[in-house]
Amino acid sequence: MMRQNYFQRRRVCPFSSDNSPEIDYKDIKLLRKFLTEHGKIIPRRISAVSSGKQRELARAVKRARFIALLPYSAK
């Protein structure tokens, strides 16, 4: 039996297009999309964020945690 090859859609960074949202530590709604239910940052291989934007995202999440806009962990 031969294996069928399936077409895998190329994943695009959600922050790389022209009308994409800006990464900002005050935008809690956007940052929560890239956190797990336990409060961990989702890795880029899962979220499909480019490496530069992933670093920016991580910096924004850590900044928001520091000033208590986001929790460090869930209870």
N, C-alpha and C. Protein backbone atom coordinates (compact mmCIF):
# COMPACT_ATOMS: atom_id res chain seq x y z
N MET A 1 0.84 -1.18 0.00
CA MET A 1 0.00 0.00 0.00
C MET A 1 0.89 1.25 0.00
N MET A 2 0.63 2.17 -0.92
CA MET A 2 1.45 3.38 -1.01
C MET A 2 0.87 4.46 -0.13
N ARG A 3 1.77 5.24 0.43
CA ARG A 3 1.34 6.38 1.23
C ARG A 3 0.96 7.53 0.32
N GLN A 4 -0.12 8.19 0.66
CA GLN A 4 -0.54 9.34 -0.12
C GLN A 4 0.14 10.58 0.44
N ASN A 5 0.62 11.42 -0.44
CA ASN A 5 1.21 12.68 0.00
C ASN A 5 0.11 13.73 0.08
N TYR A 6 0.05 14.39 1.19
CA TYR A 6 -0.94 15.43 1.39
C TYR A 6 -0.27 16.78 1.24
N PHE A 7 -0.98 17.71 0.64
CA PHE A 7 -0.47 19.06 0.46
C PHE A 7 -0.53 19.78 1.80
N GLN A 8 0.62 20.27 2.24
CA GLN A 8 0.65 21.02 3.49
C GLN A 8 0.68 22.50 3.17
N ARG A 9 -0.28 23.22 3.67
CA ARG A 9 -0.35 24.65 3.44
C ARG A 9 0.77 25.35 4.19
N ARG A 10 1.44 26.24 3.51
CA ARG A 10 2.52 27.00 4.13
C ARG A 10 1.92 27.99 5.12
N ARG A 11 2.40 27.95 6.35
CA ARG A 11 1.86 28.82 7.38
C ARG A 11 2.52 30.17 7.33
N VAL A 12 1.74 31.21 7.45
CA VAL A 12 2.23 32.57 7.34
C VAL A 12 2.17 33.25 8.70
N CYS A 13 3.17 34.06 8.97
CA CYS A 13 3.23 34.79 10.23
C CYS A 13 2.05 35.76 10.33
N PRO A 14 1.30 35.73 11.44
CA PRO A 14 0.15 36.63 11.57
C PRO A 14 0.54 38.10 11.73
N PHE A 15 1.82 38.39 11.93
CA PHE A 15 2.26 39.78 12.12
C PHE A 15 3.01 40.34 10.93
N SER A 16 3.16 39.56 9.84
CA SER A 16 4.00 40.01 8.74
C SER A 16 3.25 40.75 7.64
N SER A 17 1.92 40.64 7.59
CA SER A 17 1.18 41.32 6.52
C SER A 17 1.03 42.81 6.83
N ASP A 18 0.55 43.55 5.83
CA ASP A 18 0.44 45.01 5.97
C ASP A 18 -0.59 45.44 7.01
N ASN A 19 -1.75 44.78 7.02
CA ASN A 19 -2.81 45.17 7.95
C ASN A 19 -2.81 44.31 9.23
N SER A 20 -1.66 43.77 9.58
CA SER A 20 -1.56 42.94 10.79
C SER A 20 -1.48 43.81 12.04
N PRO A 21 -1.87 43.26 13.19
CA PRO A 21 -1.81 44.05 14.42
C PRO A 21 -0.37 44.28 14.88
N GLU A 22 -0.16 45.36 15.57
CA GLU A 22 1.15 45.70 16.12
C GLU A 22 1.31 45.01 17.47
N ILE A 23 2.48 44.47 17.73
CA ILE A 23 2.74 43.82 19.01
C ILE A 23 3.01 44.89 20.05
N ASP A 24 2.16 44.93 21.09
CA ASP A 24 2.27 45.94 22.13
C ASP A 24 1.97 45.29 23.47
N TYR A 25 2.76 45.60 24.48
CA TYR A 25 2.57 44.96 25.79
C TYR A 25 1.26 45.36 26.45
N LYS A 26 0.63 46.44 26.00
CA LYS A 26 -0.63 46.88 26.58
C LYS A 26 -1.84 46.20 25.94
N ASP A 27 -1.63 45.52 24.82
CA ASP A 27 -2.71 44.82 24.11
C ASP A 27 -2.85 43.40 24.65
N ILE A 28 -3.52 43.28 25.78
CA ILE A 28 -3.64 42.01 26.49
C ILE A 28 -4.44 40.98 25.70
N LYS A 29 -5.46 41.45 24.99
CA LYS A 29 -6.30 40.55 24.21
C LYS A 29 -5.48 39.81 23.14
N LEU A 30 -4.59 40.53 22.48
CA LEU A 30 -3.73 39.93 21.46
C LEU A 30 -2.70 38.99 22.09
N LEU A 31 -2.09 39.40 23.18
CA LEU A 31 -1.05 38.60 23.82
C LEU A 31 -1.61 37.28 24.36
N ARG A 32 -2.85 37.29 24.84
CA ARG A 32 -3.45 36.07 25.39
C ARG A 32 -3.62 34.98 24.34
N LYS A 33 -3.73 35.37 23.06
CA LYS A 33 -3.86 34.39 21.98
C LYS A 33 -2.59 33.56 21.84
N PHE A 34 -1.47 34.08 22.30
CA PHE A 34 -0.19 33.40 22.16
C PHE A 34 0.31 32.83 23.48
N LEU A 35 -0.61 32.63 24.43
CA LEU A 35 -0.30 32.00 25.72
C LEU A 35 -1.14 30.74 25.87
N THR A 36 -0.60 29.75 26.57
CA THR A 36 -1.38 28.56 26.88
C THR A 36 -2.32 28.87 28.04
N GLU A 37 -3.17 27.93 28.37
CA GLU A 37 -4.08 28.15 29.51
C GLU A 37 -3.33 28.21 30.84
N HIS A 38 -2.07 27.72 30.84
CA HIS A 38 -1.25 27.80 32.05
C HIS A 38 -0.42 29.08 32.09
N GLY A 39 -0.48 29.87 31.03
CA GLY A 39 0.24 31.14 31.01
C GLY A 39 1.60 31.09 30.34
N LYS A 40 1.94 29.97 29.71
CA LYS A 40 3.23 29.86 29.02
C LYS A 40 3.11 30.42 27.61
N ILE A 41 4.21 30.93 27.07
CA ILE A 41 4.23 31.45 25.71
C ILE A 41 4.26 30.27 24.73
N ILE A 42 3.38 30.30 23.73
CA ILE A 42 3.30 29.23 22.74
C ILE A 42 4.53 29.30 21.83
N PRO A 43 5.22 28.17 21.58
CA PRO A 43 6.40 28.19 20.72
C PRO A 43 6.06 28.54 19.28
N ARG A 44 7.02 29.06 18.54
CA ARG A 44 6.77 29.55 17.19
C ARG A 44 6.48 28.44 16.19
N ARG A 45 6.92 27.23 16.45
CA ARG A 45 6.61 26.13 15.52
C ARG A 45 5.12 25.80 15.57
N ILE A 46 4.44 26.14 16.65
CA ILE A 46 3.01 25.92 16.76
C ILE A 46 2.22 27.16 16.34
N SER A 47 2.68 28.33 16.76
CA SER A 47 1.93 29.56 16.47
C SER A 47 2.23 30.14 15.10
N ALA A 48 3.27 29.65 14.41
CA ALA A 48 3.67 30.09 13.06
C ALA A 48 4.08 31.55 13.01
N VAL A 49 4.63 32.06 14.10
CA VAL A 49 5.13 33.44 14.14
C VAL A 49 6.59 33.41 13.72
N SER A 50 7.03 34.41 12.95
CA SER A 50 8.42 34.47 12.51
C SER A 50 9.35 34.69 13.71
N SER A 51 10.63 34.38 13.55
CA SER A 51 11.55 34.42 14.68
C SER A 51 11.69 35.82 15.27
N GLY A 52 11.78 36.82 14.42
CA GLY A 52 11.90 38.19 14.92
C GLY A 52 10.66 38.64 15.68
N LYS A 53 9.50 38.32 15.13
CA LYS A 53 8.24 38.69 15.78
C LYS A 53 8.00 37.86 17.04
N GLN A 54 8.52 36.62 17.07
CA GLN A 54 8.39 35.79 18.28
C GLN A 54 9.18 36.41 19.43
N ARG A 55 10.37 36.93 19.11
CA ARG A 55 11.18 37.59 20.14
C ARG A 55 10.47 38.84 20.65
N GLU A 56 9.90 39.60 19.72
CA GLU A 56 9.16 40.80 20.08
C GLU A 56 7.94 40.45 20.94
N LEU A 57 7.26 39.37 20.57
CA LEU A 57 6.08 38.90 21.30
C LEU A 57 6.46 38.47 22.71
N ALA A 58 7.55 37.71 22.83
CA ALA A 58 8.01 37.25 24.15
C ALA A 58 8.37 38.44 25.04
N ARG A 59 9.03 39.43 24.45
CA ARG A 59 9.40 40.63 25.20
C ARG A 59 8.16 41.36 25.69
N ALA A 60 7.13 41.45 24.84
CA ALA A 60 5.88 42.13 25.21
C ALA A 60 5.15 41.36 26.31
N VAL A 61 5.14 40.03 26.22
CA VAL A 61 4.48 39.22 27.25
C VAL A 61 5.19 39.39 28.59
N LYS A 62 6.51 39.34 28.56
CA LYS A 62 7.28 39.47 29.81
C LYS A 62 7.11 40.86 30.42
N ARG A 63 7.02 41.87 29.58
CA ARG A 63 6.80 43.24 30.05
C ARG A 63 5.42 43.36 30.68
N ALA A 64 4.41 42.76 30.04
CA ALA A 64 3.04 42.81 30.57
C ALA A 64 2.94 42.04 31.88
N ARG A 65 3.68 40.94 32.00
CA ARG A 65 3.70 40.20 33.27
C ARG A 65 4.32 41.04 34.37
N PHE A 66 5.41 41.72 34.05
CA PHE A 66 6.15 42.50 35.05
C PHE A 66 5.30 43.61 35.63
N ILE A 67 4.48 44.26 34.80
CA ILE A 67 3.64 45.34 35.32
C ILE A 67 2.22 44.85 35.66
N ALA A 68 2.09 43.54 35.80
CA ALA A 68 0.87 42.87 36.31
C ALA A 68 -0.35 43.02 35.41
N LEU A 69 -0.15 43.09 34.08
CA LEU A 69 -1.27 43.04 33.16
C LEU A 69 -1.62 41.60 32.83
N LEU A 70 -0.61 40.73 32.87
CA LEU A 70 -0.80 39.30 32.64
C LEU A 70 -0.25 38.54 33.85
N PRO A 71 -0.85 37.38 34.18
CA PRO A 71 -0.30 36.58 35.27
C PRO A 71 0.93 35.79 34.82
N TYR A 72 1.82 35.49 35.74
CA TYR A 72 2.98 34.65 35.42
C TYR A 72 2.55 33.21 35.20
N SER A 73 1.57 32.76 35.96
CA SER A 73 1.04 31.41 35.78
C SER A 73 -0.43 31.37 36.21
N ALA A 74 -1.13 30.34 35.75
CA ALA A 74 -2.54 30.17 36.13
C ALA A 74 -2.60 29.39 37.43
N LYS A 75 -3.65 29.58 38.19
CA LYS A 75 -3.80 28.87 39.45
C LYS A 75 -4.29 27.47 39.25
